[in-house]
Amino acid sequence: MLILHEGRLLVREDLDDLRSRGVSVTGPASVVDDFVYGLTVLGERRLGPTKEVTLYGGLGDERRGLARAYGLELGPVAVQDLFIHLTGGAP
């Protein structure tokens, strides 16, 4: 998978590897903010007290366990959404 933007190569990797790098984190806004501190945040959405953040870089087993302990929901991110976020397209 290649992602080019304005003449620059942004991503060059296997499609499955690219998919594994995107993860959504959903839960109470303050808990999500604490959890994603220091990670690469591509985008975020908020609805009342709930926040969903799109991360790029994947999460290891330890970090995934921590998310479960905090009651956060983790989910996949569609390749199309990763493309939009990585190229600075519309949310």
PDB file of N, CA and C in Angstrom:
ATOM      1  N   MET A   1       0.843  -1.165   0.000  1.00  0.00           N
ATOM      2  CA  MET A   1       0.000   0.000   0.000  1.00  0.00           C
ATOM      3  C   MET A   1       0.891   1.230   0.000  1.00  0.00           C
ATOM      4  N   LEU A   2       0.630   2.117  -0.942  1.00  0.00           N
ATOM      5  CA  LEU A   2       1.345   3.384  -1.010  1.00  0.00           C
ATOM      6  C   LEU A   2       0.337   4.514  -0.815  1.00  0.00           C
ATOM      7  N   ILE A   3       0.708   5.477   0.008  1.00  0.00           N
ATOM      8  CA  ILE A   3      -0.102   6.682   0.144  1.00  0.00           C
ATOM      9  C   ILE A   3       0.804   7.862  -0.165  1.00  0.00           C
ATOM     10  N   LEU A   4       0.433   8.567  -1.233  1.00  0.00           N
ATOM     11  CA  LEU A   4       1.159   9.761  -1.645  1.00  0.00           C
ATOM     12  C   LEU A   4       0.293  10.978  -1.347  1.00  0.00           C
ATOM     13  N   HIS A   5       0.952  12.063  -0.947  1.00  0.00           N
ATOM     14  CA  HIS A   5       0.236  13.305  -0.707  1.00  0.00           C
ATOM     15  C   HIS A   5       1.123  14.471  -1.093  1.00  0.00           C
ATOM     16  N   GLU A   6       0.625  15.265  -2.035  1.00  0.00           N
ATOM     17  CA  GLU A   6       1.357  16.428  -2.525  1.00  0.00           C
ATOM     18  C   GLU A   6       2.787  16.076  -2.924  1.00  0.00           C
ATOM     19  N   GLY A   7       2.916  14.952  -3.635  1.00  0.00           N
ATOM     20  CA  GLY A   7       4.215  14.528  -4.145  1.00  0.00           C
ATOM     21  C   GLY A   7       5.120  13.839  -3.143  1.00  0.00           C
ATOM     22  N   ARG A   8       4.651  13.664  -1.922  1.00  0.00           N
ATOM     23  CA  ARG A   8       5.462  12.993  -0.891  1.00  0.00           C
ATOM     24  C   ARG A   8       4.900  11.614  -0.594  1.00  0.00           C
ATOM     25  N   LEU A   9       5.786  10.673  -0.358  1.00  0.00           N
ATOM     26  CA  LEU A   9       5.386   9.329   0.044  1.00  0.00           C
ATOM     27  C   LEU A   9       5.156   9.333   1.550  1.00  0.00           C
ATOM     28  N   LEU A  10       3.900   9.130   1.967  1.00  0.00           N
ATOM     29  CA  LEU A  10       3.559   9.118   3.390  1.00  0.00           C
ATOM     30  C   LEU A  10       3.645   7.728   3.998  1.00  0.00           C
ATOM     31  N   VAL A  11       3.181   6.733   3.229  1.00  0.00           N
ATOM     32  CA  VAL A  11       3.119   5.362   3.749  1.00  0.00           C
ATOM     33  C   VAL A  11       3.494   4.399   2.639  1.00  0.00           C
ATOM     34  N   ARG A  12       4.319   3.434   2.980  1.00  0.00           N
ATOM     35  CA  ARG A  12       4.643   2.337   2.076  1.00  0.00           C
ATOM     36  C   ARG A  12       4.757   1.078   2.922  1.00  0.00           C
ATOM     37  N   GLU A  13       3.682   0.293   2.922  1.00  0.00           N
ATOM     38  CA  GLU A  13       3.687  -0.941   3.701  1.00  0.00           C
ATOM     39  C   GLU A  13       2.555  -1.866   3.276  1.00  0.00           C
ATOM     40  N   ASP A  14       2.613  -3.066   3.771  1.00  0.00           N
ATOM     41  CA  ASP A  14       1.595  -4.067   3.504  1.00  0.00           C
ATOM     42  C   ASP A  14       0.242  -3.581   4.022  1.00  0.00           C
ATOM     43  N   LEU A  15      -0.834  -3.881   3.302  1.00  0.00           N
ATOM     44  CA  LEU A  15      -2.169  -3.434   3.680  1.00  0.00           C
ATOM     45  C   LEU A  15      -2.546  -3.887   5.092  1.00  0.00           C
ATOM     46  N   ASP A  16      -2.259  -5.136   5.438  1.00  0.00           N
ATOM     47  CA  ASP A  16      -2.593  -5.632   6.777  1.00  0.00           C
ATOM     48  C   ASP A  16      -1.806  -4.892   7.857  1.00  0.00           C
ATOM     49  N   ASP A  17      -0.544  -4.554   7.566  1.00  0.00           N
ATOM     50  CA  ASP A  17       0.246  -3.785   8.523  1.00  0.00           C
ATOM     51  C   ASP A  17      -0.343  -2.392   8.716  1.00  0.00           C
ATOM     52  N   LEU A  18      -0.769  -1.776   7.620  1.00  0.00           N
ATOM     53  CA  LEU A  18      -1.381  -0.456   7.716  1.00  0.00           C
ATOM     54  C   LEU A  18      -2.655  -0.525   8.550  1.00  0.00           C
ATOM     55  N   ARG A  19      -3.480  -1.527   8.277  1.00  0.00           N
ATOM     56  CA  ARG A  19      -4.718  -1.694   9.065  1.00  0.00           C
ATOM     57  C   ARG A  19      -4.417  -1.836  10.551  1.00  0.00           C
ATOM     58  N   SER A  20      -3.372  -2.567  10.893  1.00  0.00           N
ATOM     59  CA  SER A  20      -3.057  -2.805  12.310  1.00  0.00           C
ATOM     60  C   SER A  20      -2.560  -1.549  13.015  1.00  0.00           C
ATOM     61  N   ARG A  21      -2.146  -0.551  12.278  1.00  0.00           N
ATOM     62  CA  ARG A  21      -1.645   0.689  12.879  1.00  0.00           C
ATOM     63  C   ARG A  21      -2.744   1.649  13.302  1.00  0.00           C
ATOM     64  N   GLY A  22      -3.927   1.473  12.749  1.00  0.00           N
ATOM     65  CA  GLY A  22      -5.036   2.354  13.109  1.00  0.00           C
ATOM     66  C   GLY A  22      -5.901   1.724  14.179  1.00  0.00           C
ATOM     67  N   VAL A  23      -6.236   2.499  15.197  1.00  0.00           N
ATOM     68  CA  VAL A  23      -7.124   2.015  16.256  1.00  0.00           C
ATOM     69  C   VAL A  23      -7.949   3.183  16.776  1.00  0.00           C
ATOM     70  N   SER A  24      -9.226   2.905  17.021  1.00  0.00           N
ATOM     71  CA  SER A  24     -10.080   3.932  17.628  1.00  0.00           C
ATOM     72  C   SER A  24     -10.220   3.616  19.112  1.00  0.00           C
ATOM     73  N   VAL A  25     -10.257   4.660  19.917  1.00  0.00           N
ATOM     74  CA  VAL A  25     -10.404   4.541  21.367  1.00  0.00           C
ATOM     75  C   VAL A  25     -11.614   5.373  21.753  1.00  0.00           C
ATOM     76  N   THR A  26     -12.582   4.737  22.425  1.00  0.00           N
ATOM     77  CA  THR A  26     -13.819   5.420  22.789  1.00  0.00           C
ATOM     78  C   THR A  26     -14.102   5.223  24.272  1.00  0.00           C
ATOM     79  N   GLY A  27     -14.539   6.318  24.910  1.00  0.00           N
ATOM     80  CA  GLY A  27     -14.894   6.262  26.320  1.00  0.00           C
ATOM     81  C   GLY A  27     -15.095   7.658  26.863  1.00  0.00           C
ATOM     82  N   PRO A  28     -15.151   7.785  28.196  1.00  0.00           N
ATOM     83  CA  PRO A  28     -15.288   9.106  28.808  1.00  0.00           C
ATOM     84  C   PRO A  28     -14.119  10.002  28.382  1.00  0.00           C
ATOM     85  N   ALA A  29     -14.424  11.239  28.002  1.00  0.00           N
ATOM     86  CA  ALA A  29     -13.428  12.146  27.426  1.00  0.00           C
ATOM     87  C   ALA A  29     -12.160  12.261  28.263  1.00  0.00           C
ATOM     88  N   SER A  30     -12.277  12.458  29.561  1.00  0.00           N
ATOM     89  CA  SER A  30     -11.077  12.652  30.381  1.00  0.00           C
ATOM     90  C   SER A  30     -10.225  11.390  30.444  1.00  0.00           C
ATOM     91  N   VAL A  31     -10.860  10.227  30.450  1.00  0.00           N
ATOM     92  CA  VAL A  31     -10.124   8.957  30.482  1.00  0.00           C
ATOM     93  C   VAL A  31      -9.424   8.732  29.144  1.00  0.00           C
ATOM     94  N   VAL A  32     -10.121   9.004  28.048  1.00  0.00           N
ATOM     95  CA  VAL A  32      -9.521   8.864  26.721  1.00  0.00           C
ATOM     96  C   VAL A  32      -8.328   9.804  26.591  1.00  0.00           C
ATOM     97  N   ASP A  33      -8.482  11.054  27.026  1.00  0.00           N
ATOM     98  CA  ASP A  33      -7.382  12.016  26.936  1.00  0.00           C
ATOM     99  C   ASP A  33      -6.150  11.532  27.690  1.00  0.00           C
ATOM    100  N   ASP A  34      -6.357  11.001  28.893  1.00  0.00           N
ATOM    101  CA  ASP A  34      -5.227  10.475  29.676  1.00  0.00           C
ATOM    102  C   ASP A  34      -4.588   9.274  28.984  1.00  0.00           C
ATOM    103  N   PHE A  35      -5.424   8.384  28.439  1.00  0.00           N
ATOM    104  CA  PHE A  35      -4.927   7.162  27.801  1.00  0.00           C
ATOM    105  C   PHE A  35      -4.096   7.449  26.559  1.00  0.00           C
ATOM    106  N   VAL A  36      -4.502   8.422  25.748  1.00  0.00           N
ATOM    107  CA  VAL A  36      -3.818   8.672  24.482  1.00  0.00           C
ATOM    108  C   VAL A  36      -2.668   9.675  24.600  1.00  0.00           C
ATOM    109  N   TYR A  37      -2.429  10.182  25.793  1.00  0.00           N
ATOM    110  CA  TYR A  37      -1.349  11.151  25.980  1.00  0.00           C
ATOM    111  C   TYR A  37      -0.027  10.565  25.465  1.00  0.00           C
ATOM    112  N   GLY A  38       0.653  11.295  24.608  1.00  0.00           N
ATOM    113  CA  GLY A  38       1.934  10.860  24.071  1.00  0.00           C
ATOM    114  C   GLY A  38       1.843   9.969  22.839  1.00  0.00           C
ATOM    115  N   LEU A  39       0.628   9.594  22.438  1.00  0.00           N
ATOM    116  CA  LEU A  39       0.442   8.766  21.248  1.00  0.00           C
ATOM    117  C   LEU A  39       0.099   9.653  20.049  1.00  0.00           C
ATOM    118  N   THR A  40       0.175   9.097  18.852  1.00  0.00           N
ATOM    119  CA  THR A  40      -0.114   9.853  17.631  1.00  0.00           C
ATOM    120  C   THR A  40      -1.614   9.858  17.381  1.00  0.00           C
ATOM    121  N   VAL A  41      -2.230  10.995  17.632  1.00  0.00           N
ATOM    122  CA  VAL A  41      -3.676  11.164  17.447  1.00  0.00           C
ATOM    123  C   VAL A  41      -3.917  11.779  16.072  1.00  0.00           C
ATOM    124  N   LEU A  42      -4.684  11.069  15.246  1.00  0.00           N
ATOM    125  CA  LEU A  42      -5.008  11.566  13.913  1.00  0.00           C
ATOM    126  C   LEU A  42      -6.275  12.404  13.902  1.00  0.00           C
ATOM    127  N   GLY A  43      -7.200  12.092  14.782  1.00  0.00           N
ATOM    128  CA  GLY A  43      -8.458  12.827  14.812  1.00  0.00           C
ATOM    129  C   GLY A  43      -9.253  12.470  16.040  1.00  0.00           C
ATOM    130  N   GLU A  44     -10.258  13.274  16.313  1.00  0.00           N
ATOM    131  CA  GLU A  44     -11.122  13.010  17.456  1.00  0.00           C
ATOM    132  C   GLU A  44     -12.513  13.544  17.202  1.00  0.00           C
ATOM    133  N   ARG A  45     -13.474  12.901  17.859  1.00  0.00           N
ATOM    134  CA  ARG A  45     -14.874  13.328  17.811  1.00  0.00           C
ATOM    135  C   ARG A  45     -15.415  13.246  19.226  1.00  0.00           C
ATOM    136  N   ARG A  46     -16.336  14.145  19.522  1.00  0.00           N
ATOM    137  CA  ARG A  46     -16.911  14.165  20.864  1.00  0.00           C
ATOM    138  C   ARG A  46     -18.424  14.281  20.769  1.00  0.00           C
ATOM    139  N   LEU A  47     -19.101  13.516  21.608  1.00  0.00           N
ATOM    140  CA  LEU A  47     -20.543  13.587  21.718  1.00  0.00           C
ATOM    141  C   LEU A  47     -20.861  13.578  23.207  1.00  0.00           C
ATOM    142  N   GLY A  48     -21.204  14.733  23.735  1.00  0.00           N
ATOM    143  CA  GLY A  48     -21.447  14.843  25.172  1.00  0.00           C
ATOM    144  C   GLY A  48     -20.190  14.476  25.933  1.00  0.00           C
ATOM    145  N   PRO A  49     -20.320  13.595  26.915  1.00  0.00           N
ATOM    146  CA  PRO A  49     -19.155  13.228  27.722  1.00  0.00           C
ATOM    147  C   PRO A  49     -18.279  12.135  27.086  1.00  0.00           C
ATOM    148  N   THR A  50     -18.691  11.629  25.926  1.00  0.00           N
ATOM    149  CA  THR A  50     -17.973  10.537  25.264  1.00  0.00           C
ATOM    150  C   THR A  50     -17.080  11.084  24.164  1.00  0.00           C
ATOM    151  N   LYS A  51     -15.896  10.496  24.069  1.00  0.00           N
ATOM    152  CA  LYS A  51     -14.934  10.926  23.063  1.00  0.00           C
ATOM    153  C   LYS A  51     -14.398   9.710  22.322  1.00  0.00           C
ATOM    154  N   GLU A  52     -14.233   9.866  20.996  1.00  0.00           N
ATOM    155  CA  GLU A  52     -13.597   8.833  20.180  1.00  0.00           C
ATOM    156  C   GLU A  52     -12.367   9.455  19.536  1.00  0.00           C
ATOM    157  N   VAL A  53     -11.249   8.783  19.686  1.00  0.00           N
ATOM    158  CA  VAL A  53      -9.984   9.255  19.140  1.00  0.00           C
ATOM    159  C   VAL A  53      -9.453   8.214  18.169  1.00  0.00           C
ATOM    160  N   THR A  54      -8.946   8.671  17.031  1.00  0.00           N
ATOM    161  CA  THR A  54      -8.299   7.795  16.063  1.00  0.00           C
ATOM    162  C   THR A  54      -6.793   7.906  16.260  1.00  0.00           C
ATOM    163  N   LEU A  55      -6.166   6.761  16.547  1.00  0.00           N
ATOM    164  CA  LEU A  55      -4.724   6.705  16.762  1.00  0.00           C
ATOM    165  C   LEU A  55      -4.031   6.073  15.571  1.00  0.00           C
ATOM    166  N   TYR A  56      -2.781   6.436  15.387  1.00  0.00           N
ATOM    167  CA  TYR A  56      -1.951   5.813  14.364  1.00  0.00           C
ATOM    168  C   TYR A  56      -0.681   5.323  15.033  1.00  0.00           C
ATOM    169  N   GLY A  57      -0.374   4.064  14.846  1.00  0.00           N
ATOM    170  CA  GLY A  57       0.829   3.494  15.431  1.00  0.00           C
ATOM    171  C   GLY A  57       0.572   2.167  16.117  1.00  0.00           C
ATOM    172  N   GLY A  58      -0.685   1.822  16.274  1.00  0.00           N
ATOM    173  CA  GLY A  58      -1.022   0.550  16.899  1.00  0.00           C
ATOM    174  C   GLY A  58      -0.807   0.573  18.393  1.00  0.00           C
ATOM    175  N   LEU A  59      -1.306  -0.445  19.059  1.00  0.00           N
ATOM    176  CA  LEU A  59      -1.171  -0.582  20.504  1.00  0.00           C
ATOM    177  C   LEU A  59      -0.653  -1.969  20.825  1.00  0.00           C
ATOM    178  N   GLY A  60       0.271  -2.042  21.735  1.00  0.00           N
ATOM    179  CA  GLY A  60       0.786  -3.331  22.186  1.00  0.00           C
ATOM    180  C   GLY A  60      -0.184  -3.986  23.160  1.00  0.00           C
ATOM    181  N   ASP A  61       0.105  -5.225  23.525  1.00  0.00           N
ATOM    182  CA  ASP A  61      -0.761  -5.971  24.433  1.00  0.00           C
ATOM    183  C   ASP A  61      -0.916  -5.282  25.788  1.00  0.00           C
ATOM    184  N   GLU A  62       0.171  -4.726  26.301  1.00  0.00           N
ATOM    185  CA  GLU A  62       0.112  -4.056  27.603  1.00  0.00           C
ATOM    186  C   GLU A  62      -0.827  -2.850  27.559  1.00  0.00           C
ATOM    187  N   ARG A  63      -0.704  -2.066  26.495  1.00  0.00           N
ATOM    188  CA  ARG A  63      -1.543  -0.872  26.348  1.00  0.00           C
ATOM    189  C   ARG A  63      -3.007  -1.266  26.137  1.00  0.00           C
ATOM    190  N   ARG A  64      -3.239  -2.359  25.397  1.00  0.00           N
ATOM    191  CA  ARG A  64      -4.612  -2.842  25.195  1.00  0.00           C
ATOM    192  C   ARG A  64      -5.223  -3.306  26.519  1.00  0.00           C
ATOM    193  N   GLY A  65      -4.414  -3.965  27.353  1.00  0.00           N
ATOM    194  CA  GLY A  65      -4.880  -4.379  28.675  1.00  0.00           C
ATOM    195  C   GLY A  65      -5.238  -3.182  29.542  1.00  0.00           C
ATOM    196  N   LEU A  66      -4.454  -2.145  29.444  1.00  0.00           N
ATOM    197  CA  LEU A  66      -4.709  -0.920  30.189  1.00  0.00           C
ATOM    198  C   LEU A  66      -6.031  -0.289  29.734  1.00  0.00           C
ATOM    199  N   ALA A  67      -6.277  -0.306  28.428  1.00  0.00           N
ATOM    200  CA  ALA A  67      -7.540   0.231  27.911  1.00  0.00           C
ATOM    201  C   ALA A  67      -8.720  -0.542  28.488  1.00  0.00           C
ATOM    202  N   ARG A  68      -8.619  -1.857  28.530  1.00  0.00           N
ATOM    203  CA  ARG A  68      -9.697  -2.674  29.105  1.00  0.00           C
ATOM    204  C   ARG A  68      -9.893  -2.341  30.577  1.00  0.00           C
ATOM    205  N   ALA A  69      -8.792  -2.175  31.304  1.00  0.00           N
ATOM    206  CA  ALA A  69      -8.869  -1.857  32.731  1.00  0.00           C
ATOM    207  C   ALA A  69      -9.559  -0.512  32.954  1.00  0.00           C
ATOM    208  N   TYR A  70      -9.375   0.428  32.049  1.00  0.00           N
ATOM    209  CA  TYR A  70     -10.008   1.746  32.145  1.00  0.00           C
ATOM    210  C   TYR A  70     -11.427   1.748  31.592  1.00  0.00           C
ATOM    211  N   GLY A  71     -11.869   0.623  31.037  1.00  0.00           N
ATOM    212  CA  GLY A  71     -13.215   0.544  30.484  1.00  0.00           C
ATOM    213  C   GLY A  71     -13.364   1.214  29.135  1.00  0.00           C
ATOM    214  N   LEU A  72     -12.264   1.343  28.408  1.00  0.00           N
ATOM    215  CA  LEU A  72     -12.295   1.968  27.092  1.00  0.00           C
ATOM    216  C   LEU A  72     -12.582   0.930  26.020  1.00  0.00           C
ATOM    217  N   GLU A  73     -13.243   1.366  24.975  1.00  0.00           N
ATOM    218  CA  GLU A  73     -13.545   0.481  23.847  1.00  0.00           C
ATOM    219  C   GLU A  73     -12.532   0.740  22.736  1.00  0.00           C
ATOM    220  N   LEU A  74     -11.911  -0.332  22.261  1.00  0.00           N
ATOM    221  CA  LEU A  74     -10.963  -0.238  21.156  1.00  0.00           C
ATOM    222  C   LEU A  74     -11.602  -0.821  19.907  1.00  0.00           C
ATOM    223  N   GLY A  75     -11.320  -0.218  18.776  1.00  0.00           N
ATOM    224  CA  GLY A  75     -11.892  -0.721  17.538  1.00  0.00           C
ATOM    225  C   GLY A  75     -10.975  -0.464  16.365  1.00  0.00           C
ATOM    226  N   PRO A  76     -11.273  -1.099  15.251  1.00  0.00           N
ATOM    227  CA  PRO A  76     -10.463  -0.901  14.040  1.00  0.00           C
ATOM    228  C   PRO A  76     -10.786   0.438  13.387  1.00  0.00           C
ATOM    229  N   VAL A  77      -9.902   0.850  12.521  1.00  0.00           N
ATOM    230  CA  VAL A  77     -10.108   2.060  11.728  1.00  0.00           C
ATOM    231  C   VAL A  77     -10.033   1.631  10.261  1.00  0.00           C
ATOM    232  N   ALA A  78     -11.016   2.029   9.482  1.00  0.00           N
ATOM    233  CA  ALA A  78     -11.029   1.683   8.057  1.00  0.00           C
ATOM    234  C   ALA A  78      -9.830   2.314   7.355  1.00  0.00           C
ATOM    235  N   VAL A  79      -9.273   1.607   6.395  1.00  0.00           N
ATOM    236  CA  VAL A  79      -8.127   2.118   5.637  1.00  0.00           C
ATOM    237  C   VAL A  79      -8.473   3.462   4.999  1.00  0.00           C
ATOM    238  N   GLN A  80      -9.698   3.609   4.528  1.00  0.00           N
ATOM    239  CA  GLN A  80     -10.107   4.874   3.921  1.00  0.00           C
ATOM    240  C   GLN A  80     -10.019   6.016   4.933  1.00  0.00           C
ATOM    241  N   ASP A  81     -10.408   5.748   6.170  1.00  0.00           N
ATOM    242  CA  ASP A  81     -10.330   6.777   7.212  1.00  0.00           C
ATOM    243  C   ASP A  81      -8.879   7.107   7.543  1.00  0.00           C
ATOM    244  N   LEU A  82      -8.018   6.092   7.590  1.00  0.00           N
ATOM    245  CA  LEU A  82      -6.595   6.348   7.817  1.00  0.00           C
ATOM    246  C   LEU A  82      -6.040   7.235   6.703  1.00  0.00           C
ATOM    247  N   PHE A  83      -6.409   6.925   5.482  1.00  0.00           N
ATOM    248  CA  PHE A  83      -5.962   7.713   4.333  1.00  0.00           C
ATOM    249  C   PHE A  83      -6.383   9.175   4.493  1.00  0.00           C
ATOM    250  N   ILE A  84      -7.634   9.390   4.826  1.00  0.00           N
ATOM    251  CA  ILE A  84      -8.142  10.753   4.984  1.00  0.00           C
ATOM    252  C   ILE A  84      -7.401  11.492   6.096  1.00  0.00           C
ATOM    253  N   HIS A  85      -7.230  10.843   7.241  1.00  0.00           N
ATOM    254  CA  HIS A  85      -6.526  11.474   8.351  1.00  0.00           C
ATOM    255  C   HIS A  85      -5.065  11.760   8.022  1.00  0.00           C
ATOM    256  N   LEU A  86      -4.398  10.790   7.404  1.00  0.00           N
ATOM    257  CA  LEU A  86      -2.967  10.957   7.104  1.00  0.00           C
ATOM    258  C   LEU A  86      -2.696  12.037   6.061  1.00  0.00           C
ATOM    259  N   THR A  87      -3.662  12.252   5.171  1.00  0.00           N
ATOM    260  CA  THR A  87      -3.465  13.264   4.131  1.00  0.00           C
ATOM    261  C   THR A  87      -4.095  14.610   4.487  1.00  0.00           C
ATOM    262  N   GLY A  88      -4.677  14.688   5.693  1.00  0.00           N
ATOM    263  CA  GLY A  88      -5.262  15.952   6.130  1.00  0.00           C
ATOM    264  C   GLY A  88      -6.574  16.273   5.448  1.00  0.00           C
ATOM    265  N   GLY A  89      -7.270  15.238   4.973  1.00  0.00           N
ATOM    266  CA  GLY A  89      -8.554  15.433   4.294  1.00  0.00           C
ATOM    267  C   GLY A  89      -9.659  15.778   5.272  1.00  0.00           C
ATOM    268  N   ALA A  90     -10.856  15.910   4.757  1.00  0.00           N
ATOM    269  CA  ALA A  90     -12.027  16.266   5.570  1.00  0.00           C
ATOM    270  C   ALA A  90     -12.297  15.188   6.588  1.00  0.00           C
ATOM    271  N   PRO A  91     -12.714  15.576   7.807  1.00  0.00           N
ATOM    272  CA  PRO A  91     -13.017  14.585   8.859  1.00  0.00           C
ATOM    273  C   PRO A  91     -14.240  13.761   8.528  1.00  0.00           C
TER     274      PRO A  91
END
